[in-house]
Amino acid sequence: MMAFFRGEKSEKSMEEQDICGCGEGKVPDRHGRCVMPEVTFPAFIMSLNTSVLFHLGELTDPVTGKTVVDLDLARNAIDTLVMLEQKTKGNLSHDEKELLKSIVYDCKLRFVKAARG
């Protein structure tokens, strides 16, 4: 089993972690250390939403600065959202349910618009 699953400390010293500067994708925790953001259901849904927007060409690639449209990958991310909506029915808070419902609706509309050109 990997160290982070057992709760072991990383090889970096606490001092090294405190001065990390919080590079891309990391946030400071309450002690000022740079960590990955907490994994929550809304954050996961927003991540899939971002993937849809990226593959529909609505977000630029941070490396190239260009947009790329890949409808197959956008459709796959939307299908994943729809599957989550179906599989989590009855198990989400009101806010989580509404977030997922509105994102699925918005992504489907954007997909149809992009597919029509």
PDB file of N, CA and C in Angstrom:
ATOM      1  N   MET A   1       0.847  -1.177   0.000  1.00  0.00           N
ATOM      2  CA  MET A   1       0.000   0.000   0.000  1.00  0.00           C
ATOM      3  C   MET A   1       0.891   1.239   0.000  1.00  0.00           C
ATOM      4  N   MET A   2       0.442   2.264  -0.704  1.00  0.00           N
ATOM      5  CA  MET A   2       1.237   3.480  -0.822  1.00  0.00           C
ATOM      6  C   MET A   2       1.242   4.249   0.494  1.00  0.00           C
ATOM      7  N   ALA A   3       2.290   5.025   0.698  1.00  0.00           N
ATOM      8  CA  ALA A   3       2.484   5.738   1.958  1.00  0.00           C
ATOM      9  C   ALA A   3       1.328   6.649   2.313  1.00  0.00           C
ATOM     10  N   PHE A   4       0.782   7.384   1.350  1.00  0.00           N
ATOM     11  CA  PHE A   4      -0.261   8.338   1.710  1.00  0.00           C
ATOM     12  C   PHE A   4      -1.549   7.658   2.145  1.00  0.00           C
ATOM     13  N   PHE A   5      -1.745   6.402   1.779  1.00  0.00           N
ATOM     14  CA  PHE A   5      -2.917   5.682   2.254  1.00  0.00           C
ATOM     15  C   PHE A   5      -2.738   5.239   3.705  1.00  0.00           C
ATOM     16  N   ARG A   6      -1.499   5.082   4.127  1.00  0.00           N
ATOM     17  CA  ARG A   6      -1.224   4.666   5.505  1.00  0.00           C
ATOM     18  C   ARG A   6      -1.041   5.853   6.431  1.00  0.00           C
ATOM     19  N   GLY A   7      -1.103   7.059   5.876  1.00  0.00           N
ATOM     20  CA  GLY A   7      -0.956   8.242   6.704  1.00  0.00           C
ATOM     21  C   GLY A   7       0.487   8.577   7.039  1.00  0.00           C
ATOM     22  N   GLU A   8       1.446   7.994   6.306  1.00  0.00           N
ATOM     23  CA  GLU A   8       2.843   8.296   6.575  1.00  0.00           C
ATOM     24  C   GLU A   8       3.195   9.664   6.006  1.00  0.00           C
ATOM     25  N   LYS A   9       4.191  10.289   6.603  1.00  0.00           N
ATOM     26  CA  LYS A   9       4.639  11.597   6.132  1.00  0.00           C
ATOM     27  C   LYS A   9       5.442  11.449   4.861  1.00  0.00           C
ATOM     28  N   SER A  10       5.380  12.474   4.026  1.00  0.00           N
ATOM     29  CA  SER A  10       6.153  12.459   2.791  1.00  0.00           C
ATOM     30  C   SER A  10       7.627  12.588   3.122  1.00  0.00           C
ATOM     31  N   GLU A  11       8.473  12.319   2.118  1.00  0.00           N
ATOM     32  CA  GLU A  11       9.910  12.408   2.323  1.00  0.00           C
ATOM     33  C   GLU A  11      10.370  13.849   2.485  1.00  0.00           C
ATOM     34  N   LYS A  12       9.592  14.812   1.998  1.00  0.00           N
ATOM     35  CA  LYS A  12       9.958  16.216   2.156  1.00  0.00           C
ATOM     36  C   LYS A  12       9.792  16.623   3.611  1.00  0.00           C
ATOM     37  N   SER A  13      10.681  17.457   4.080  1.00  0.00           N
ATOM     38  CA  SER A  13      10.556  17.956   5.445  1.00  0.00           C
ATOM     39  C   SER A  13       9.393  18.937   5.511  1.00  0.00           C
ATOM     40  N   MET A  14       8.896  19.171   6.693  1.00  0.00           N
ATOM     41  CA  MET A  14       7.807  20.128   6.881  1.00  0.00           C
ATOM     42  C   MET A  14       8.241  21.505   6.400  1.00  0.00           C
ATOM     43  N   GLU A  15       9.511  21.842   6.619  1.00  0.00           N
ATOM     44  CA  GLU A  15      10.010  23.140   6.195  1.00  0.00           C
ATOM     45  C   GLU A  15       9.959  23.283   4.674  1.00  0.00           C
ATOM     46  N   GLU A  16      10.343  22.222   3.942  1.00  0.00           N
ATOM     47  CA  GLU A  16      10.292  22.259   2.483  1.00  0.00           C
ATOM     48  C   GLU A  16       8.854  22.432   2.003  1.00  0.00           C
ATOM     49  N   GLN A  17       7.917  21.759   2.663  1.00  0.00           N
ATOM     50  CA  GLN A  17       6.520  21.850   2.267  1.00  0.00           C
ATOM     51  C   GLN A  17       5.957  23.249   2.535  1.00  0.00           C
ATOM     52  N   ASP A  18       6.396  23.882   3.614  1.00  0.00           N
ATOM     53  CA  ASP A  18       5.891  25.198   3.972  1.00  0.00           C
ATOM     54  C   ASP A  18       6.299  26.278   2.969  1.00  0.00           C
ATOM     55  N   ILE A  19       7.419  26.107   2.307  1.00  0.00           N
ATOM     56  CA  ILE A  19       7.898  27.127   1.376  1.00  0.00           C
ATOM     57  C   ILE A  19       7.699  26.716  -0.078  1.00  0.00           C
ATOM     58  N   CYS A  20       6.759  25.831  -0.338  1.00  0.00           N
ATOM     59  CA  CYS A  20       6.586  25.282  -1.682  1.00  0.00           C
ATOM     60  C   CYS A  20       6.082  26.319  -2.681  1.00  0.00           C
ATOM     61  N   GLY A  21       5.437  27.406  -2.240  1.00  0.00           N
ATOM     62  CA  GLY A  21       4.932  28.402  -3.173  1.00  0.00           C
ATOM     63  C   GLY A  21       3.617  28.000  -3.812  1.00  0.00           C
ATOM     64  N   CYS A  22       3.081  26.873  -3.427  1.00  0.00           N
ATOM     65  CA  CYS A  22       1.802  26.365  -3.945  1.00  0.00           C
ATOM     66  C   CYS A  22       1.723  26.449  -5.461  1.00  0.00           C
ATOM     67  N   GLY A  23       2.434  25.566  -6.095  1.00  0.00           N
ATOM     68  CA  GLY A  23       2.404  25.469  -7.548  1.00  0.00           C
ATOM     69  C   GLY A  23       1.028  25.083  -8.058  1.00  0.00           C
ATOM     70  N   GLU A  24       0.959  24.895  -9.345  1.00  0.00           N
ATOM     71  CA  GLU A  24      -0.305  24.612 -10.022  1.00  0.00           C
ATOM     72  C   GLU A  24      -1.062  23.457  -9.377  1.00  0.00           C
ATOM     73  N   GLY A  25      -2.322  23.682  -9.091  1.00  0.00           N
ATOM     74  CA  GLY A  25      -3.188  22.644  -8.565  1.00  0.00           C
ATOM     75  C   GLY A  25      -3.157  22.474  -7.067  1.00  0.00           C
ATOM     76  N   LYS A  26      -2.254  23.146  -6.386  1.00  0.00           N
ATOM     77  CA  LYS A  26      -2.167  22.990  -4.938  1.00  0.00           C
ATOM     78  C   LYS A  26      -2.653  24.248  -4.234  1.00  0.00           C
ATOM     79  N   VAL A  27      -3.071  24.063  -2.994  1.00  0.00           N
ATOM     80  CA  VAL A  27      -3.568  25.174  -2.184  1.00  0.00           C
ATOM     81  C   VAL A  27      -2.921  25.094  -0.803  1.00  0.00           C
ATOM     82  N   PRO A  28      -2.808  26.230  -0.125  1.00  0.00           N
ATOM     83  CA  PRO A  28      -2.251  26.169   1.230  1.00  0.00           C
ATOM     84  C   PRO A  28      -3.293  25.600   2.201  1.00  0.00           C
ATOM     85  N   ASP A  29      -2.842  24.721   3.099  1.00  0.00           N
ATOM     86  CA  ASP A  29      -3.754  24.228   4.129  1.00  0.00           C
ATOM     87  C   ASP A  29      -3.735  25.200   5.305  1.00  0.00           C
ATOM     88  N   ARG A  30      -4.395  24.860   6.388  1.00  0.00           N
ATOM     89  CA  ARG A  30      -4.493  25.786   7.522  1.00  0.00           C
ATOM     90  C   ARG A  30      -3.153  26.044   8.196  1.00  0.00           C
ATOM     91  N   HIS A  31      -2.147  25.216   7.900  1.00  0.00           N
ATOM     92  CA  HIS A  31      -0.812  25.406   8.453  1.00  0.00           C
ATOM     93  C   HIS A  31       0.125  26.075   7.451  1.00  0.00           C
ATOM     94  N   GLY A  32      -0.415  26.447   6.278  1.00  0.00           N
ATOM     95  CA  GLY A  32       0.380  27.107   5.259  1.00  0.00           C
ATOM     96  C   GLY A  32       1.130  26.172   4.326  1.00  0.00           C
ATOM     97  N   ARG A  33       0.951  24.866   4.515  1.00  0.00           N
ATOM     98  CA  ARG A  33       1.608  23.907   3.626  1.00  0.00           C
ATOM     99  C   ARG A  33       0.803  23.767   2.336  1.00  0.00           C
ATOM    100  N   CYS A  34       1.494  23.485   1.250  1.00  0.00           N
ATOM    101  CA  CYS A  34       0.838  23.313  -0.041  1.00  0.00           C
ATOM    102  C   CYS A  34       0.356  21.882  -0.188  1.00  0.00           C
ATOM    103  N   VAL A  35      -0.927  21.735  -0.407  1.00  0.00           N
ATOM    104  CA  VAL A  35      -1.540  20.410  -0.522  1.00  0.00           C
ATOM    105  C   VAL A  35      -2.522  20.416  -1.689  1.00  0.00           C
ATOM    106  N   MET A  36      -2.902  19.239  -2.110  1.00  0.00           N
ATOM    107  CA  MET A  36      -3.967  19.132  -3.103  1.00  0.00           C
ATOM    108  C   MET A  36      -5.269  19.523  -2.414  1.00  0.00           C
ATOM    109  N   PRO A  37      -6.195  20.155  -3.149  1.00  0.00           N
ATOM    110  CA  PRO A  37      -7.466  20.516  -2.521  1.00  0.00           C
ATOM    111  C   PRO A  37      -8.224  19.270  -2.079  1.00  0.00           C
ATOM    112  N   GLU A  38      -9.088  19.446  -1.099  1.00  0.00           N
ATOM    113  CA  GLU A  38      -9.898  18.348  -0.595  1.00  0.00           C
ATOM    114  C   GLU A  38     -10.763  17.786  -1.719  1.00  0.00           C
ATOM    115  N   VAL A  39     -10.866  16.467  -1.785  1.00  0.00           N
ATOM    116  CA  VAL A  39     -11.706  15.824  -2.785  1.00  0.00           C
ATOM    117  C   VAL A  39     -13.133  15.779  -2.237  1.00  0.00           C
ATOM    118  N   THR A  40     -14.010  16.496  -2.915  1.00  0.00           N
ATOM    119  CA  THR A  40     -15.419  16.504  -2.531  1.00  0.00           C
ATOM    120  C   THR A  40     -16.243  16.169  -3.765  1.00  0.00           C
ATOM    121  N   PHE A  41     -17.486  15.795  -3.570  1.00  0.00           N
ATOM    122  CA  PHE A  41     -18.347  15.490  -4.707  1.00  0.00           C
ATOM    123  C   PHE A  41     -18.509  16.715  -5.606  1.00  0.00           C
ATOM    124  N   PRO A  42     -18.817  17.891  -5.059  1.00  0.00           N
ATOM    125  CA  PRO A  42     -18.924  19.067  -5.935  1.00  0.00           C
ATOM    126  C   PRO A  42     -17.627  19.369  -6.699  1.00  0.00           C
ATOM    127  N   ALA A  43     -16.479  19.201  -6.058  1.00  0.00           N
ATOM    128  CA  ALA A  43     -15.211  19.449  -6.748  1.00  0.00           C
ATOM    129  C   ALA A  43     -15.011  18.456  -7.890  1.00  0.00           C
ATOM    130  N   PHE A  44     -15.407  17.208  -7.679  1.00  0.00           N
ATOM    131  CA  PHE A  44     -15.314  16.188  -8.717  1.00  0.00           C
ATOM    132  C   PHE A  44     -16.222  16.539  -9.891  1.00  0.00           C
ATOM    133  N   ILE A  45     -17.444  16.965  -9.605  1.00  0.00           N
ATOM    134  CA  ILE A  45     -18.389  17.351 -10.657  1.00  0.00           C
ATOM    135  C   ILE A  45     -17.857  18.558 -11.424  1.00  0.00           C
ATOM    136  N   MET A  46     -17.300  19.516 -10.709  1.00  0.00           N
ATOM    137  CA  MET A  46     -16.746  20.699 -11.371  1.00  0.00           C
ATOM    138  C   MET A  46     -15.550  20.328 -12.238  1.00  0.00           C
ATOM    139  N   SER A  47     -14.778  19.343 -11.825  1.00  0.00           N
ATOM    140  CA  SER A  47     -13.654  18.873 -12.620  1.00  0.00           C
ATOM    141  C   SER A  47     -14.139  18.269 -13.939  1.00  0.00           C
ATOM    142  N   LEU A  48     -15.188  17.470 -13.867  1.00  0.00           N
ATOM    143  CA  LEU A  48     -15.762  16.903 -15.095  1.00  0.00           C
ATOM    144  C   LEU A  48     -16.350  18.000 -15.968  1.00  0.00           C
ATOM    145  N   ASN A  49     -16.971  18.987 -15.355  1.00  0.00           N
ATOM    146  CA  ASN A  49     -17.510  20.123 -16.098  1.00  0.00           C
ATOM    147  C   ASN A  49     -16.389  20.852 -16.843  1.00  0.00           C
ATOM    148  N   THR A  50     -15.276  21.067 -16.165  1.00  0.00           N
ATOM    149  CA  THR A  50     -14.131  21.720 -16.788  1.00  0.00           C
ATOM    150  C   THR A  50     -13.618  20.900 -17.970  1.00  0.00           C
ATOM    151  N   SER A  51     -13.622  19.599 -17.816  1.00  0.00           N
ATOM    152  CA  SER A  51     -13.202  18.719 -18.906  1.00  0.00           C
ATOM    153  C   SER A  51     -14.115  18.885 -20.119  1.00  0.00           C
ATOM    154  N   VAL A  52     -15.419  18.931 -19.885  1.00  0.00           N
ATOM    155  CA  VAL A  52     -16.370  19.140 -20.986  1.00  0.00           C
ATOM    156  C   VAL A  52     -16.079  20.469 -21.677  1.00  0.00           C
ATOM    157  N   LEU A  53     -15.949  21.528 -20.896  1.00  0.00           N
ATOM    158  CA  LEU A  53     -15.698  22.854 -21.475  1.00  0.00           C
ATOM    159  C   LEU A  53     -14.397  22.879 -22.269  1.00  0.00           C
ATOM    160  N   PHE A  54     -13.373  22.216 -21.750  1.00  0.00           N
ATOM    161  CA  PHE A  54     -12.096  22.164 -22.453  1.00  0.00           C
ATOM    162  C   PHE A  54     -12.250  21.460 -23.801  1.00  0.00           C
ATOM    163  N   HIS A  55     -12.922  20.297 -23.796  1.00  0.00           N
ATOM    164  CA  HIS A  55     -13.061  19.519 -25.027  1.00  0.00           C
ATOM    165  C   HIS A  55     -14.052  20.138 -26.011  1.00  0.00           C
ATOM    166  N   LEU A  56     -14.874  21.043 -25.542  1.00  0.00           N
ATOM    167  CA  LEU A  56     -15.760  21.781 -26.456  1.00  0.00           C
ATOM    168  C   LEU A  56     -15.059  23.018 -27.016  1.00  0.00           C
ATOM    169  N   GLY A  57     -13.830  23.244 -26.597  1.00  0.00           N
ATOM    170  CA  GLY A  57     -13.065  24.376 -27.097  1.00  0.00           C
ATOM    171  C   GLY A  57     -13.403  25.691 -26.417  1.00  0.00           C
ATOM    172  N   GLU A  58     -14.043  25.626 -25.261  1.00  0.00           N
ATOM    173  CA  GLU A  58     -14.415  26.841 -24.545  1.00  0.00           C
ATOM    174  C   GLU A  58     -13.337  27.304 -23.570  1.00  0.00           C
ATOM    175  N   LEU A  59     -12.352  26.454 -23.321  1.00  0.00           N
ATOM    176  CA  LEU A  59     -11.219  26.800 -22.466  1.00  0.00           C
ATOM    177  C   LEU A  59      -9.941  26.563 -23.247  1.00  0.00           C
ATOM    178  N   THR A  60      -8.975  27.427 -23.035  1.00  0.00           N
ATOM    179  CA  THR A  60      -7.710  27.270 -23.744  1.00  0.00           C
ATOM    180  C   THR A  60      -6.796  26.297 -23.018  1.00  0.00           C
ATOM    181  N   ASP A  61      -5.952  25.650 -23.785  1.00  0.00           N
ATOM    182  CA  ASP A  61      -4.925  24.789 -23.221  1.00  0.00           C
ATOM    183  C   ASP A  61      -3.931  25.696 -22.509  1.00  0.00           C
ATOM    184  N   PRO A  62      -3.661  25.464 -21.223  1.00  0.00           N
ATOM    185  CA  PRO A  62      -2.772  26.361 -20.490  1.00  0.00           C
ATOM    186  C   PRO A  62      -1.333  26.350 -21.008  1.00  0.00           C
ATOM    187  N   VAL A  63      -0.941  25.304 -21.700  1.00  0.00           N
ATOM    188  CA  VAL A  63       0.421  25.211 -22.213  1.00  0.00           C
ATOM    189  C   VAL A  63       0.542  25.903 -23.566  1.00  0.00           C
ATOM    190  N   THR A  64      -0.389  25.586 -24.482  1.00  0.00           N
ATOM    191  CA  THR A  64      -0.290  26.121 -25.842  1.00  0.00           C
ATOM    192  C   THR A  64      -1.040  27.426 -26.037  1.00  0.00           C
ATOM    193  N   GLY A  65      -2.013  27.688 -25.176  1.00  0.00           N
ATOM    194  CA  GLY A  65      -2.839  28.887 -25.337  1.00  0.00           C
ATOM    195  C   GLY A  65      -3.877  28.734 -26.437  1.00  0.00           C
ATOM    196  N   LYS A  66      -3.999  27.529 -26.983  1.00  0.00           N
ATOM    197  CA  LYS A  66      -4.947  27.271 -28.073  1.00  0.00           C
ATOM    198  C   LYS A  66      -6.152  26.491 -27.570  1.00  0.00           C
ATOM    199  N   THR A  67      -7.230  26.562 -28.326  1.00  0.00           N
ATOM    200  CA  THR A  67      -8.408  25.756 -28.017  1.00  0.00           C
ATOM    201  C   THR A  67      -8.497  24.620 -29.028  1.00  0.00           C
ATOM    202  N   VAL A  68      -9.011  23.500 -28.574  1.00  0.00           N
ATOM    203  CA  VAL A  68      -9.186  22.327 -29.419  1.00  0.00           C
ATOM    204  C   VAL A  68     -10.578  21.773 -29.159  1.00  0.00           C
ATOM    205  N   VAL A  69     -11.279  21.416 -30.217  1.00  0.00           N
ATOM    206  CA  VAL A  69     -12.601  20.807 -30.069  1.00  0.00           C
ATOM    207  C   VAL A  69     -12.470  19.312 -30.326  1.00  0.00           C
ATOM    208  N   ASP A  70     -12.891  18.517 -29.350  1.00  0.00           N
ATOM    209  CA  ASP A  70     -12.927  17.064 -29.477  1.00  0.00           C
ATOM    210  C   ASP A  70     -14.276  16.608 -28.933  1.00  0.00           C
ATOM    211  N   LEU A  71     -15.244  16.482 -29.840  1.00  0.00           N
ATOM    212  CA  LEU A  71     -16.611  16.156 -29.422  1.00  0.00           C
ATOM    213  C   LEU A  71     -16.720  14.773 -28.787  1.00  0.00           C
ATOM    214  N   ASP A  72     -15.883  13.829 -29.214  1.00  0.00           N
ATOM    215  CA  ASP A  72     -15.929  12.498 -28.607  1.00  0.00           C
ATOM    216  C   ASP A  72     -15.540  12.536 -27.131  1.00  0.00           C
ATOM    217  N   LEU A  73     -14.479  13.276 -26.816  1.00  0.00           N
ATOM    218  CA  LEU A  73     -14.068  13.383 -25.414  1.00  0.00           C
ATOM    219  C   LEU A  73     -15.073  14.200 -24.601  1.00  0.00           C
ATOM    220  N   ALA A  74     -15.648  15.225 -25.215  1.00  0.00           N
ATOM    221  CA  ALA A  74     -16.687  16.003 -24.524  1.00  0.00           C
ATOM    222  C   ALA A  74     -17.893  15.117 -24.227  1.00  0.00           C
ATOM    223  N   ARG A  75     -18.299  14.327 -25.219  1.00  0.00           N
ATOM    224  CA  ARG A  75     -19.442  13.421 -25.027  1.00  0.00           C
ATOM    225  C   ARG A  75     -19.146  12.416 -23.917  1.00  0.00           C
ATOM    226  N   ASN A  76     -17.908  11.897 -23.860  1.00  0.00           N
ATOM    227  CA  ASN A  76     -17.534  10.938 -22.828  1.00  0.00           C
ATOM    228  C   ASN A  76     -17.648  11.557 -21.435  1.00  0.00           C
ATOM    229  N   ALA A  77     -17.194  12.776 -21.279  1.00  0.00           N
ATOM    230  CA  ALA A  77     -17.287  13.448 -19.974  1.00  0.00           C
ATOM    231  C   ALA A  77     -18.747  13.710 -19.603  1.00  0.00           C
ATOM    232  N   ILE A  78     -19.568  14.080 -20.606  1.00  0.00           N
ATOM    233  CA  ILE A  78     -20.996  14.289 -20.348  1.00  0.00           C
ATOM    234  C   ILE A  78     -21.654  12.972 -19.961  1.00  0.00           C
ATOM    235  N   ASP A  79     -21.319  11.907 -20.665  1.00  0.00           N
ATOM    236  CA  ASP A  79     -21.866  10.584 -20.328  1.00  0.00           C
ATOM    237  C   ASP A  79     -21.479  10.182 -18.905  1.00  0.00           C
ATOM    238  N   THR A  80     -20.284  10.544 -18.484  1.00  0.00           N
ATOM    239  CA  THR A  80     -19.848  10.255 -17.119  1.00  0.00           C
ATOM    240  C   THR A  80     -20.700  11.025 -16.108  1.00  0.00           C
ATOM    241  N   LEU A  81     -20.972  12.288 -16.409  1.00  0.00           N
ATOM    242  CA  LEU A  81     -21.844  13.090 -15.538  1.00  0.00           C
ATOM    243  C   LEU A  81     -23.242  12.497 -15.463  1.00  0.00           C
ATOM    244  N   VAL A  82     -23.780  12.073 -16.600  1.00  0.00           N
ATOM    245  CA  VAL A  82     -25.128  11.479 -16.638  1.00  0.00           C
ATOM    246  C   VAL A  82     -25.143  10.174 -15.840  1.00  0.00           C
ATOM    247  N   MET A  83     -24.110   9.357 -15.986  1.00  0.00           N
ATOM    248  CA  MET A  83     -24.023   8.116 -15.234  1.00  0.00           C
ATOM    249  C   MET A  83     -23.986   8.399 -13.735  1.00  0.00           C
ATOM    250  N   LEU A  84     -23.214   9.398 -13.329  1.00  0.00           N
ATOM    251  CA  LEU A  84     -23.164   9.771 -11.909  1.00  0.00           C
ATOM    252  C   LEU A  84     -24.527  10.240 -11.419  1.00  0.00           C
ATOM    253  N   GLU A  85     -25.224  10.993 -12.255  1.00  0.00           N
ATOM    254  CA  GLU A  85     -26.557  11.476 -11.896  1.00  0.00           C
ATOM    255  C   GLU A  85     -27.499  10.291 -11.658  1.00  0.00           C
ATOM    256  N   GLN A  86     -27.413   9.295 -12.517  1.00  0.00           N
ATOM    257  CA  GLN A  86     -28.284   8.116 -12.387  1.00  0.00           C
ATOM    258  C   GLN A  86     -27.893   7.247 -11.198  1.00  0.00           C
ATOM    259  N   LYS A  87     -26.612   7.021 -11.017  1.00  0.00           N
ATOM    260  CA  LYS A  87     -26.135   6.110  -9.969  1.00  0.00           C
ATOM    261  C   LYS A  87     -26.204   6.705  -8.568  1.00  0.00           C
ATOM    262  N   THR A  88     -26.245   8.026  -8.472  1.00  0.00           N
ATOM    263  CA  THR A  88     -26.288   8.653  -7.146  1.00  0.00           C
ATOM    264  C   THR A  88     -27.696   9.108  -6.758  1.00  0.00           C
ATOM    265  N   LYS A  89     -28.670   8.815  -7.597  1.00  0.00           N
ATOM    266  CA  LYS A  89     -30.055   9.229  -7.324  1.00  0.00           C
ATOM    267  C   LYS A  89     -30.478   8.781  -5.923  1.00  0.00           C
ATOM    268  N   GLY A  90     -30.943   9.719  -5.137  1.00  0.00           N
ATOM    269  CA  GLY A  90     -31.390   9.424  -3.777  1.00  0.00           C
ATOM    270  C   GLY A  90     -30.282   9.455  -2.736  1.00  0.00           C
ATOM    271  N   ASN A  91     -29.037   9.677  -3.150  1.00  0.00           N
ATOM    272  CA  ASN A  91     -27.911   9.646  -2.216  1.00  0.00           C
ATOM    273  C   ASN A  91     -27.176  10.976  -2.102  1.00  0.00           C
ATOM    274  N   LEU A  92     -27.692  12.014  -2.723  1.00  0.00           N
ATOM    275  CA  LEU A  92     -27.024  13.311  -2.713  1.00  0.00           C
ATOM    276  C   LEU A  92     -27.807  14.306  -1.862  1.00  0.00           C
ATOM    277  N   SER A  93     -27.083  15.284  -1.342  1.00  0.00           N
ATOM    278  CA  SER A  93     -27.764  16.388  -0.667  1.00  0.00           C
ATOM    279  C   SER A  93     -28.512  17.186  -1.729  1.00  0.00           C
ATOM    280  N   HIS A  94     -29.401  18.044  -1.300  1.00  0.00           N
ATOM    281  CA  HIS A  94     -30.157  18.881  -2.238  1.00  0.00           C
ATOM    282  C   HIS A  94     -29.213  19.718  -3.099  1.00  0.00           C
ATOM    283  N   ASP A  95     -28.222  20.333  -2.466  1.00  0.00           N
ATOM    284  CA  ASP A  95     -27.275  21.180  -3.203  1.00  0.00           C
ATOM    285  C   ASP A  95     -26.459  20.374  -4.214  1.00  0.00           C
ATOM    286  N   GLU A  96     -26.001  19.180  -3.825  1.00  0.00           N
ATOM    287  CA  GLU A  96     -25.243  18.334  -4.751  1.00  0.00           C
ATOM    288  C   GLU A  96     -26.106  17.910  -5.936  1.00  0.00           C
ATOM    289  N   LYS A  97     -27.340  17.542  -5.648  1.00  0.00           N
ATOM    290  CA  LYS A  97     -28.265  17.121  -6.706  1.00  0.00           C
ATOM    291  C   LYS A  97     -28.512  18.263  -7.690  1.00  0.00           C
ATOM    292  N   GLU A  98     -28.752  19.451  -7.178  1.00  0.00           N
ATOM    293  CA  GLU A  98     -29.018  20.607  -8.036  1.00  0.00           C
ATOM    294  C   GLU A  98     -27.782  21.002  -8.841  1.00  0.00           C
ATOM    295  N   LEU A  99     -26.617  20.928  -8.231  1.00  0.00           N
ATOM    296  CA  LEU A  99     -25.380  21.226  -8.939  1.00  0.00           C
ATOM    297  C   LEU A  99     -25.207  20.271 -10.117  1.00  0.00           C
ATOM    298  N   LEU A 100     -25.338  18.988  -9.857  1.00  0.00           N
ATOM    299  CA  LEU A 100     -25.164  17.987 -10.903  1.00  0.00           C
ATOM    300  C   LEU A 100     -26.213  18.147 -11.998  1.00  0.00           C
ATOM    301  N   LYS A 101     -27.448  18.362 -11.609  1.00  0.00           N
ATOM    302  CA  LYS A 101     -28.538  18.538 -12.579  1.00  0.00           C
ATOM    303  C   LYS A 101     -28.275  19.737 -13.494  1.00  0.00           C
ATOM    304  N   SER A 102     -27.876  20.862 -12.908  1.00  0.00           N
ATOM    305  CA  SER A 102     -27.657  22.062 -13.719  1.00  0.00           C
ATOM    306  C   SER A 102     -26.427  21.925 -14.609  1.00  0.00           C
ATOM    307  N   ILE A 103     -25.391  21.256 -14.131  1.00  0.00           N
ATOM    308  CA  ILE A 103     -24.197  21.076 -14.950  1.00  0.00           C
ATOM    309  C   ILE A 103     -24.475  20.122 -16.104  1.00  0.00           C
ATOM    310  N   VAL A 104     -25.188  19.046 -15.854  1.00  0.00           N
ATOM    311  CA  VAL A 104     -25.541  18.121 -16.935  1.00  0.00           C
ATOM    312  C   VAL A 104     -26.347  18.861 -18.004  1.00  0.00           C
ATOM    313  N   TYR A 105     -27.332  19.624 -17.580  1.00  0.00           N
ATOM    314  CA  TYR A 105     -28.168  20.383 -18.521  1.00  0.00           C
ATOM    315  C   TYR A 105     -27.323  21.363 -19.334  1.00  0.00           C
ATOM    316  N   ASP A 106     -26.488  22.129 -18.653  1.00  0.00           N
ATOM    317  CA  ASP A 106     -25.659  23.124 -19.323  1.00  0.00           C
ATOM    318  C   ASP A 106     -24.675  22.469 -20.298  1.00  0.00           C
ATOM    319  N   CYS A 107     -24.049  21.375 -19.881  1.00  0.00           N
ATOM    320  CA  CYS A 107     -23.093  20.692 -20.751  1.00  0.00           C
ATOM    321  C   CYS A 107     -23.770  20.131 -21.997  1.00  0.00           C
ATOM    322  N   LYS A 108     -24.970  19.580 -21.830  1.00  0.00           N
ATOM    323  CA  LYS A 108     -25.699  19.054 -22.989  1.00  0.00           C
ATOM    324  C   LYS A 108     -26.035  20.172 -23.972  1.00  0.00           C
ATOM    325  N   LEU A 109     -26.482  21.314 -23.465  1.00  0.00           N
ATOM    326  CA  LEU A 109     -26.782  22.456 -24.345  1.00  0.00           C
ATOM    327  C   LEU A 109     -25.541  22.918 -25.097  1.00  0.00           C
ATOM    328  N   ARG A 110     -24.451  23.040 -24.381  1.00  0.00           N
ATOM    329  CA  ARG A 110     -23.203  23.480 -24.995  1.00  0.00           C
ATOM    330  C   ARG A 110     -22.717  22.474 -26.043  1.00  0.00           C
ATOM    331  N   PHE A 111     -22.909  21.182 -25.757  1.00  0.00           N
ATOM    332  CA  PHE A 111     -22.498  20.148 -26.702  1.00  0.00           C
ATOM    333  C   PHE A 111     -23.297  20.267 -28.002  1.00  0.00           C
ATOM    334  N   VAL A 112     -24.606  20.407 -27.886  1.00  0.00           N
ATOM    335  CA  VAL A 112     -25.454  20.525 -29.077  1.00  0.00           C
ATOM    336  C   VAL A 112     -25.032  21.753 -29.890  1.00  0.00           C
ATOM    337  N   LYS A 113     -24.786  22.849 -29.215  1.00  0.00           N
ATOM    338  CA  LYS A 113     -24.350  24.077 -29.898  1.00  0.00           C
ATOM    339  C   LYS A 113     -23.027  23.844 -30.636  1.00  0.00           C
ATOM    340  N   ALA A 114     -22.091  23.198 -29.984  1.00  0.00           N
ATOM    341  CA  ALA A 114     -20.789  22.942 -30.596  1.00  0.00           C
ATOM    342  C   ALA A 114     -20.900  21.954 -31.760  1.00  0.00           C
ATOM    343  N   ALA A 115     -21.749  20.955 -31.608  1.00  0.00           N
ATOM    344  CA  ALA A 115     -21.907  19.939 -32.652  1.00  0.00           C
ATOM    345  C   ALA A 115     -22.539  20.515 -33.905  1.00  0.00           C
ATOM    346  N   ARG A 116     -23.382  21.516 -33.730  1.00  0.00           N
ATOM    347  CA  ARG A 116     -24.034  22.154 -34.880  1.00  0.00           C
ATOM    348  C   ARG A 116     -23.101  23.137 -35.585  1.00  0.00           C
ATOM    349  N   GLY A 117     -22.025  23.457 -34.928  1.00  0.00           N
ATOM    350  CA  GLY A 117     -21.011  24.316 -35.532  1.00  0.00           C
ATOM    351  C   GLY A 117     -21.275  25.729 -35.314  1.00  0.00           C
TER     352      GLY A 117
END
